[in-house]
Amino acid sequence: MDFATIQMFYGWGVLDPKVDWYRENNFLTDDQYKEITGKDYEAPTTTADAK
């Protein structure tokens, strides 16, 4: 799925899976994520990261 489609579905409130999934799987850049959501992307932490 491309940026314009993700942005459109997000705006309609029908994006599935959630927008974070698209960022985590590199469909979106950090800048595109911020443009769509209005907030900075924060990568999820894992148990290995917390050690």
Protein backbone atom coordinates (compact mmCIF):
# COMPACT_ATOMS: atom_id res chain seq x y z
CA MET A 1 0.00 0.00 0.00
CA ASP A 2 1.34 3.45 -0.81
CA PHE A 3 1.49 6.58 1.34
CA ALA A 4 -1.53 8.28 -0.22
CA THR A 5 -3.74 5.24 0.32
CA ILE A 6 -2.57 4.76 3.91
CA GLN A 7 -3.20 8.46 4.60
CA MET A 8 -6.67 8.32 3.04
CA PHE A 9 -7.73 5.18 4.96
CA TYR A 10 -6.35 6.65 8.21
CA GLY A 11 -8.34 9.83 7.62
CA TRP A 12 -11.49 7.80 7.06
CA GLY A 13 -10.81 5.84 10.27
CA VAL A 14 -10.77 2.49 8.46
CA LEU A 15 -7.03 1.73 8.32
CA ASP A 16 -6.37 -1.89 9.30
CA PRO A 17 -3.88 -2.87 10.60
CA LYS A 18 -3.13 0.22 12.66
CA VAL A 19 -0.83 2.93 11.27
CA ASP A 20 2.02 1.86 13.58
CA TRP A 21 2.18 -1.49 11.75
CA TYR A 22 2.78 0.30 8.46
CA ARG A 23 5.67 2.27 9.98
CA GLU A 24 7.17 -0.80 11.67
CA ASN A 25 7.12 -2.65 8.34
CA ASN A 26 8.63 0.26 6.39
CA PHE A 27 5.59 1.22 4.35
CA LEU A 28 6.00 4.71 5.89
CA THR A 29 8.98 6.84 6.88
CA ASP A 30 9.12 8.63 10.23
CA ASP A 31 8.23 11.88 8.45
CA GLN A 32 5.23 10.33 6.70
CA TYR A 33 4.04 8.82 9.99
CA LYS A 34 4.21 12.27 11.59
CA GLU A 35 2.38 13.85 8.65
CA ILE A 36 -0.47 11.35 9.00
CA THR A 37 -0.75 11.19 12.79
CA GLY A 38 0.65 14.54 13.91
CA LYS A 39 3.02 12.86 16.36
CA ASP A 40 6.58 11.53 16.27
CA TYR A 41 7.03 7.81 15.71
CA GLU A 42 8.42 5.92 18.68
CA ALA A 43 9.59 2.41 17.91
CA PRO A 44 8.27 -0.20 20.33
CA THR A 45 10.75 -1.57 22.83
CA THR A 46 11.28 -5.25 23.37
CA THR A 47 12.39 -7.16 26.43
CA ALA A 48 15.87 -7.47 24.91
CA ASP A 49 16.02 -3.67 24.47
CA ALA A 50 15.15 -3.07 28.11
CA LYS A 51 18.10 -5.07 29.48
